[in-house]
Amino acid sequence: GQRVFGENRVQEAQAHWADRRAAFP
């Protein structure tokens, strides 16, 4: 149920979350 995440680098965050945004609005 966690929905708030912290990332240190822009590119790594893009890899982690860009495709997950649609599934977790």
PDB file of all heavy atoms in Angstrom:
ATOM      1  N   GLY A   1       0.799  -1.222   0.000  1.00  0.00           N
ATOM      2  CA  GLY A   1       0.000   0.000   0.000  1.00  0.00           C
ATOM      3  C   GLY A   1       0.829   1.267   0.000  1.00  0.00           C
ATOM      4  O   GLY A   1       0.277   2.366  -0.025  1.00  0.00           O
ATOM      5  N   GLN A   2       2.155   1.136   0.006  1.00  0.00           N
ATOM      6  CA  GLN A   2       3.014   2.322  -0.003  1.00  0.00           C
ATOM      7  C   GLN A   2       2.862   3.083  -1.315  1.00  0.00           C
ATOM      8  O   GLN A   2       2.893   2.473  -2.394  1.00  0.00           O
ATOM      9  CB  GLN A   2       4.471   1.914   0.206  1.00  0.00           C
ATOM     10  CG  GLN A   2       5.451   3.066   0.263  1.00  0.00           C
ATOM     11  CD  GLN A   2       5.251   3.948   1.500  1.00  0.00           C
ATOM     12  OE1 GLN A   2       4.760   3.487   2.520  1.00  0.00           O
ATOM     13  NE2 GLN A   2       5.632   5.201   1.399  1.00  0.00           N
ATOM     14  N   ARG A   3       2.712   4.397  -1.233  1.00  0.00           N
ATOM     15  CA  ARG A   3       2.545   5.198  -2.450  1.00  0.00           C
ATOM     16  C   ARG A   3       3.471   6.417  -2.495  1.00  0.00           C
ATOM     17  O   ARG A   3       3.516   7.100  -3.525  1.00  0.00           O
ATOM     18  CB  ARG A   3       1.091   5.675  -2.577  1.00  0.00           C
ATOM     19  CG  ARG A   3       0.098   4.541  -2.815  1.00  0.00           C
ATOM     20  CD  ARG A   3       0.325   3.854  -4.152  1.00  0.00           C
ATOM     21  NE  ARG A   3      -0.647   2.802  -4.398  1.00  0.00           N
ATOM     22  CZ  ARG A   3      -0.483   1.518  -4.060  1.00  0.00           C
ATOM     23  NH1 ARG A   3       0.649   1.142  -3.460  1.00  0.00           N
ATOM     24  NH2 ARG A   3      -1.404   0.626  -4.316  1.00  0.00           N
ATOM     25  N   VAL A   4       4.205   6.697  -1.449  1.00  0.00           N
ATOM     26  CA  VAL A   4       5.107   7.849  -1.429  1.00  0.00           C
ATOM     27  C   VAL A   4       6.536   7.327  -1.438  1.00  0.00           C
ATOM     28  O   VAL A   4       6.939   6.583  -0.542  1.00  0.00           O
ATOM     29  CB  VAL A   4       4.871   8.738  -0.196  1.00  0.00           C
ATOM     30  CG1 VAL A   4       5.799   9.948  -0.219  1.00  0.00           C
ATOM     31  CG2 VAL A   4       3.412   9.175  -0.120  1.00  0.00           C
ATOM     32  N   PHE A   5       7.288   7.718  -2.469  1.00  0.00           N
ATOM     33  CA  PHE A   5       8.639   7.204  -2.654  1.00  0.00           C
ATOM     34  C   PHE A   5       9.624   8.342  -2.878  1.00  0.00           C
ATOM     35  O   PHE A   5       9.309   9.345  -3.528  1.00  0.00           O
ATOM     36  CB  PHE A   5       8.694   6.243  -3.844  1.00  0.00           C
ATOM     37  CG  PHE A   5       7.942   4.959  -3.623  1.00  0.00           C
ATOM     38  CD1 PHE A   5       6.576   4.872  -3.899  1.00  0.00           C
ATOM     39  CD2 PHE A   5       8.587   3.839  -3.120  1.00  0.00           C
ATOM     40  CE1 PHE A   5       5.870   3.693  -3.683  1.00  0.00           C
ATOM     41  CE2 PHE A   5       7.895   2.654  -2.894  1.00  0.00           C
ATOM     42  CZ  PHE A   5       6.540   2.578  -3.178  1.00  0.00           C
ATOM     43  N   GLY A   6      10.825   8.168  -2.360  1.00  0.00           N
ATOM     44  CA  GLY A   6      11.894   9.138  -2.533  1.00  0.00           C
ATOM     45  C   GLY A   6      13.009   8.570  -3.384  1.00  0.00           C
ATOM     46  O   GLY A   6      13.418   7.421  -3.200  1.00  0.00           O
ATOM     47  N   GLU A   7      13.491   9.374  -4.310  1.00  0.00           N
ATOM     48  CA  GLU A   7      14.568   8.965  -5.204  1.00  0.00           C
ATOM     49  C   GLU A   7      15.669  10.016  -5.202  1.00  0.00           C
ATOM     50  O   GLU A   7      15.400  11.207  -5.038  1.00  0.00           O
ATOM     51  CB  GLU A   7      14.044   8.782  -6.630  1.00  0.00           C
ATOM     52  CG  GLU A   7      13.097   7.603  -6.811  1.00  0.00           C
ATOM     53  CD  GLU A   7      13.826   6.282  -7.025  1.00  0.00           C
ATOM     54  OE1 GLU A   7      15.066   6.306  -7.205  1.00  0.00           O
ATOM     55  OE2 GLU A   7      13.144   5.228  -7.021  1.00  0.00           O
ATOM     56  N   ASN A   8      16.908   9.573  -5.427  1.00  0.00           N
ATOM     57  CA  ASN A   8      18.057  10.480  -5.407  1.00  0.00           C
ATOM     58  C   ASN A   8      18.441  11.014  -6.775  1.00  0.00           C
ATOM     59  O   ASN A   8      18.990  12.109  -6.857  1.00  0.00           O
ATOM     60  CB  ASN A   8      19.273   9.772  -4.812  1.00  0.00           C
ATOM     61  CG  ASN A   8      19.355   9.937  -3.311  1.00  0.00           C
ATOM     62  OD1 ASN A   8      18.352   9.864  -2.613  1.00  0.00           O
ATOM     63  ND2 ASN A   8      20.551  10.175  -2.800  1.00  0.00           N
ATOM     64  N   ARG A   9      18.181  10.237  -7.816  1.00  0.00           N
ATOM     65  CA  ARG A   9      18.639  10.623  -9.154  1.00  0.00           C
ATOM     66  C   ARG A   9      17.479  10.622 -10.135  1.00  0.00           C
ATOM     67  O   ARG A   9      16.635   9.716 -10.122  1.00  0.00           O
ATOM     68  CB  ARG A   9      19.730   9.677  -9.645  1.00  0.00           C
ATOM     69  CG  ARG A   9      21.007   9.711  -8.811  1.00  0.00           C
ATOM     70  CD  ARG A   9      22.052   8.787  -9.416  1.00  0.00           C
ATOM     71  NE  ARG A   9      23.320   8.858  -8.710  1.00  0.00           N
ATOM     72  CZ  ARG A   9      23.666   8.073  -7.701  1.00  0.00           C
ATOM     73  NH1 ARG A   9      22.829   7.149  -7.271  1.00  0.00           N
ATOM     74  NH2 ARG A   9      24.852   8.192  -7.119  1.00  0.00           N
ATOM     75  N   VAL A  10      17.482  11.608 -11.026  1.00  0.00           N
ATOM     76  CA  VAL A  10      16.383  11.762 -11.973  1.00  0.00           C
ATOM     77  C   VAL A  10      16.283  10.562 -12.896  1.00  0.00           C
ATOM     78  O   VAL A  10      15.201   9.981 -13.060  1.00  0.00           O
ATOM     79  CB  VAL A  10      16.548  13.064 -12.781  1.00  0.00           C
ATOM     80  CG1 VAL A  10      15.480  13.151 -13.869  1.00  0.00           C
ATOM     81  CG2 VAL A  10      16.484  14.279 -11.870  1.00  0.00           C
ATOM     82  N   GLN A  11      17.401  10.150 -13.495  1.00  0.00           N
ATOM     83  CA  GLN A  11      17.348   9.071 -14.481  1.00  0.00           C
ATOM     84  C   GLN A  11      16.941   7.744 -13.854  1.00  0.00           C
ATOM     85  O   GLN A  11      16.165   6.981 -14.436  1.00  0.00           O
ATOM     86  CB  GLN A  11      18.687   8.944 -15.203  1.00  0.00           C
ATOM     87  CG  GLN A  11      18.925  10.053 -16.212  1.00  0.00           C
ATOM     88  CD  GLN A  11      20.302   9.949 -16.859  1.00  0.00           C
ATOM     89  OE1 GLN A  11      21.311  10.333 -16.287  1.00  0.00           O
ATOM     90  NE2 GLN A  11      20.330   9.408 -18.057  1.00  0.00           N
ATOM     91  N   GLU A  12      17.450   7.463 -12.675  1.00  0.00           N
ATOM     92  CA  GLU A  12      17.063   6.218 -12.012  1.00  0.00           C
ATOM     93  C   GLU A  12      15.590   6.244 -11.655  1.00  0.00           C
ATOM     94  O   GLU A  12      14.884   5.234 -11.784  1.00  0.00           O
ATOM     95  CB  GLU A  12      17.903   5.993 -10.751  1.00  0.00           C
ATOM     96  CG  GLU A  12      17.607   4.657 -10.080  1.00  0.00           C
ATOM     97  CD  GLU A  12      18.356   4.444  -8.782  1.00  0.00           C
ATOM     98  OE1 GLU A  12      19.113   5.344  -8.357  1.00  0.00           O
ATOM     99  OE2 GLU A  12      18.165   3.373  -8.187  1.00  0.00           O
ATOM    100  N   ALA A  13      15.103   7.384 -11.215  1.00  0.00           N
ATOM    101  CA  ALA A  13      13.682   7.511 -10.891  1.00  0.00           C
ATOM    102  C   ALA A  13      12.817   7.302 -12.132  1.00  0.00           C
ATOM    103  O   ALA A  13      11.742   6.686 -12.060  1.00  0.00           O
ATOM    104  CB  ALA A  13      13.410   8.873 -10.273  1.00  0.00           C
ATOM    105  N   GLN A  14      13.263   7.816 -13.270  1.00  0.00           N
ATOM    106  CA  GLN A  14      12.520   7.601 -14.508  1.00  0.00           C
ATOM    107  C   GLN A  14      12.417   6.115 -14.824  1.00  0.00           C
ATOM    108  O   GLN A  14      11.356   5.612 -15.202  1.00  0.00           O
ATOM    109  CB  GLN A  14      13.203   8.343 -15.665  1.00  0.00           C
ATOM    110  CG  GLN A  14      13.045   9.851 -15.596  1.00  0.00           C
ATOM    111  CD  GLN A  14      13.898  10.579 -16.620  1.00  0.00           C
ATOM    112  OE1 GLN A  14      14.986  10.109 -16.983  1.00  0.00           O
ATOM    113  NE2 GLN A  14      13.431  11.725 -17.073  1.00  0.00           N
ATOM    114  N   ALA A  15      13.533   5.402 -14.644  1.00  0.00           N
ATOM    115  CA  ALA A  15      13.532   3.961 -14.907  1.00  0.00           C
ATOM    116  C   ALA A  15      12.604   3.223 -13.944  1.00  0.00           C
ATOM    117  O   ALA A  15      11.933   2.261 -14.323  1.00  0.00           O
ATOM    118  CB  ALA A  15      14.953   3.416 -14.801  1.00  0.00           C
ATOM    119  N   HIS A  16      12.574   3.672 -12.702  1.00  0.00           N
ATOM    120  CA  HIS A  16      11.743   3.013 -11.699  1.00  0.00           C
ATOM    121  C   HIS A  16      10.254   3.260 -11.895  1.00  0.00           C
ATOM    122  O   HIS A  16       9.434   2.355 -11.712  1.00  0.00           O
ATOM    123  CB  HIS A  16      12.122   3.513 -10.296  1.00  0.00           C
ATOM    124  CG  HIS A  16      13.297   2.814  -9.691  1.00  0.00           C
ATOM    125  ND1 HIS A  16      13.913   3.269  -8.537  1.00  0.00           N
ATOM    126  CD2 HIS A  16      13.970   1.697 -10.057  1.00  0.00           C
ATOM    127  CE1 HIS A  16      14.914   2.454  -8.231  1.00  0.00           C
ATOM    128  NE2 HIS A  16      14.962   1.501  -9.134  1.00  0.00           N
ATOM    129  N   TRP A  17       9.880   4.495 -12.241  1.00  0.00           N
ATOM    130  CA  TRP A  17       8.498   4.907 -12.059  1.00  0.00           C
ATOM    131  C   TRP A  17       7.756   5.358 -13.301  1.00  0.00           C
ATOM    132  O   TRP A  17       6.516   5.431 -13.277  1.00  0.00           O
ATOM    133  CB  TRP A  17       8.440   6.027 -11.017  1.00  0.00           C
ATOM    134  CG  TRP A  17       9.003   5.596  -9.714  1.00  0.00           C
ATOM    135  CD1 TRP A  17      10.176   6.002  -9.137  1.00  0.00           C
ATOM    136  CD2 TRP A  17       8.447   4.624  -8.814  1.00  0.00           C
ATOM    137  NE1 TRP A  17      10.386   5.358  -7.950  1.00  0.00           N
ATOM    138  CE2 TRP A  17       9.336   4.515  -7.722  1.00  0.00           C
ATOM    139  CE3 TRP A  17       7.270   3.858  -8.835  1.00  0.00           C
ATOM    140  CZ2 TRP A  17       9.082   3.642  -6.659  1.00  0.00           C
ATOM    141  CZ3 TRP A  17       7.025   3.004  -7.773  1.00  0.00           C
ATOM    142  CH2 TRP A  17       7.924   2.901  -6.709  1.00  0.00           C
ATOM    143  N   ALA A  18       8.444   5.680 -14.380  1.00  0.00           N
ATOM    144  CA  ALA A  18       7.747   6.229 -15.554  1.00  0.00           C
ATOM    145  C   ALA A  18       6.642   5.297 -16.037  1.00  0.00           C
ATOM    146  O   ALA A  18       5.524   5.740 -16.343  1.00  0.00           O
ATOM    147  CB  ALA A  18       8.743   6.502 -16.676  1.00  0.00           C
ATOM    148  N   ASP A  19       6.912   3.997 -16.095  1.00  0.00           N
ATOM    149  CA  ASP A  19       5.915   3.047 -16.589  1.00  0.00           C
ATOM    150  C   ASP A  19       4.917   2.617 -15.524  1.00  0.00           C
ATOM    151  O   ASP A  19       3.910   1.987 -15.829  1.00  0.00           O
ATOM    152  CB  ASP A  19       6.611   1.800 -17.141  1.00  0.00           C
ATOM    153  CG  ASP A  19       7.416   2.089 -18.400  1.00  0.00           C
ATOM    154  OD1 ASP A  19       7.123   3.114 -19.054  1.00  0.00           O
ATOM    155  OD2 ASP A  19       8.326   1.308 -18.724  1.00  0.00           O
ATOM    156  N   ARG A  20       5.173   2.954 -14.267  1.00  0.00           N
ATOM    157  CA  ARG A  20       4.271   2.544 -13.185  1.00  0.00           C
ATOM    158  C   ARG A  20       3.226   3.607 -12.871  1.00  0.00           C
ATOM    159  O   ARG A  20       2.249   3.333 -12.178  1.00  0.00           O
ATOM    160  CB  ARG A  20       5.075   2.229 -11.921  1.00  0.00           C
ATOM    161  CG  ARG A  20       5.898   0.946 -12.029  1.00  0.00           C
ATOM    162  CD  ARG A  20       6.622   0.613 -10.730  1.00  0.00           C
ATOM    163  NE  ARG A  20       7.144  -0.734 -10.740  1.00  0.00           N
ATOM    164  CZ  ARG A  20       8.388  -1.064 -11.103  1.00  0.00           C
ATOM    165  NH1 ARG A  20       9.233  -0.111 -11.469  1.00  0.00           N
ATOM    166  NH2 ARG A  20       8.782  -2.322 -11.117  1.00  0.00           N
ATOM    167  N   ARG A  21       3.421   4.799 -13.354  1.00  0.00           N
ATOM    168  CA  ARG A  21       2.498   5.895 -13.021  1.00  0.00           C
ATOM    169  C   ARG A  21       1.063   5.573 -13.432  1.00  0.00           C
ATOM    170  O   ARG A  21       0.122   5.852 -12.687  1.00  0.00           O
ATOM    171  CB  ARG A  21       2.958   7.173 -13.713  1.00  0.00           C
ATOM    172  CG  ARG A  21       4.053   7.911 -12.942  1.00  0.00           C
ATOM    173  CD  ARG A  21       3.533   9.298 -12.647  1.00  0.00           C
ATOM    174  NE  ARG A  21       4.547  10.123 -12.025  1.00  0.00           N
ATOM    175  CZ  ARG A  21       4.364  10.720 -10.847  1.00  0.00           C
ATOM    176  NH1 ARG A  21       3.259  10.531 -10.173  1.00  0.00           N
ATOM    177  NH2 ARG A  21       5.292  11.493 -10.352  1.00  0.00           N
ATOM    178  N   ALA A  22       0.874   4.997 -14.612  1.00  0.00           N
ATOM    179  CA  ALA A  22      -0.480   4.733 -15.095  1.00  0.00           C
ATOM    180  C   ALA A  22      -1.205   3.748 -14.189  1.00  0.00           C
ATOM    181  O   ALA A  22      -2.411   3.879 -13.941  1.00  0.00           O
ATOM    182  CB  ALA A  22      -0.430   4.204 -16.521  1.00  0.00           C
ATOM    183  N   ALA A  23      -0.469   2.768 -13.670  1.00  0.00           N
ATOM    184  CA  ALA A  23      -1.084   1.749 -12.820  1.00  0.00           C
ATOM    185  C   ALA A  23      -1.346   2.253 -11.404  1.00  0.00           C
ATOM    186  O   ALA A  23      -2.199   1.698 -10.696  1.00  0.00           O
ATOM    187  CB  ALA A  23      -0.199   0.505 -12.777  1.00  0.00           C
ATOM    188  N   PHE A  24      -0.602   3.288 -10.999  1.00  0.00           N
ATOM    189  CA  PHE A  24      -0.721   3.809  -9.632  1.00  0.00           C
ATOM    190  C   PHE A  24      -0.899   5.328  -9.683  1.00  0.00           C
ATOM    191  O   PHE A  24       0.038   6.086  -9.436  1.00  0.00           O
ATOM    192  CB  PHE A  24       0.510   3.429  -8.806  1.00  0.00           C
ATOM    193  CG  PHE A  24       0.711   1.950  -8.668  1.00  0.00           C
ATOM    194  CD1 PHE A  24       1.567   1.274  -9.511  1.00  0.00           C
ATOM    195  CD2 PHE A  24       0.011   1.233  -7.698  1.00  0.00           C
ATOM    196  CE1 PHE A  24       1.747  -0.097  -9.390  1.00  0.00           C
ATOM    197  CE2 PHE A  24       0.187  -0.136  -7.566  1.00  0.00           C
ATOM    198  CZ  PHE A  24       1.048  -0.812  -8.420  1.00  0.00           C
ATOM    199  N   PRO A  25      -2.095   5.794 -10.013  1.00  0.00           N
ATOM    200  CA  PRO A  25      -2.320   7.237 -10.171  1.00  0.00           C
ATOM    201  C   PRO A  25      -2.142   8.025  -8.878  1.00  0.00           C
ATOM    202  O   PRO A  25      -1.982   9.248  -8.926  1.00  0.00           O
ATOM    203  CB  PRO A  25      -3.763   7.323 -10.679  1.00  0.00           C
ATOM    204  CG  PRO A  25      -4.397   6.028 -10.274  1.00  0.00           C
ATOM    205  CD  PRO A  25      -3.312   5.011 -10.321  1.00  0.00           C
TER     206      PRO A  25
END
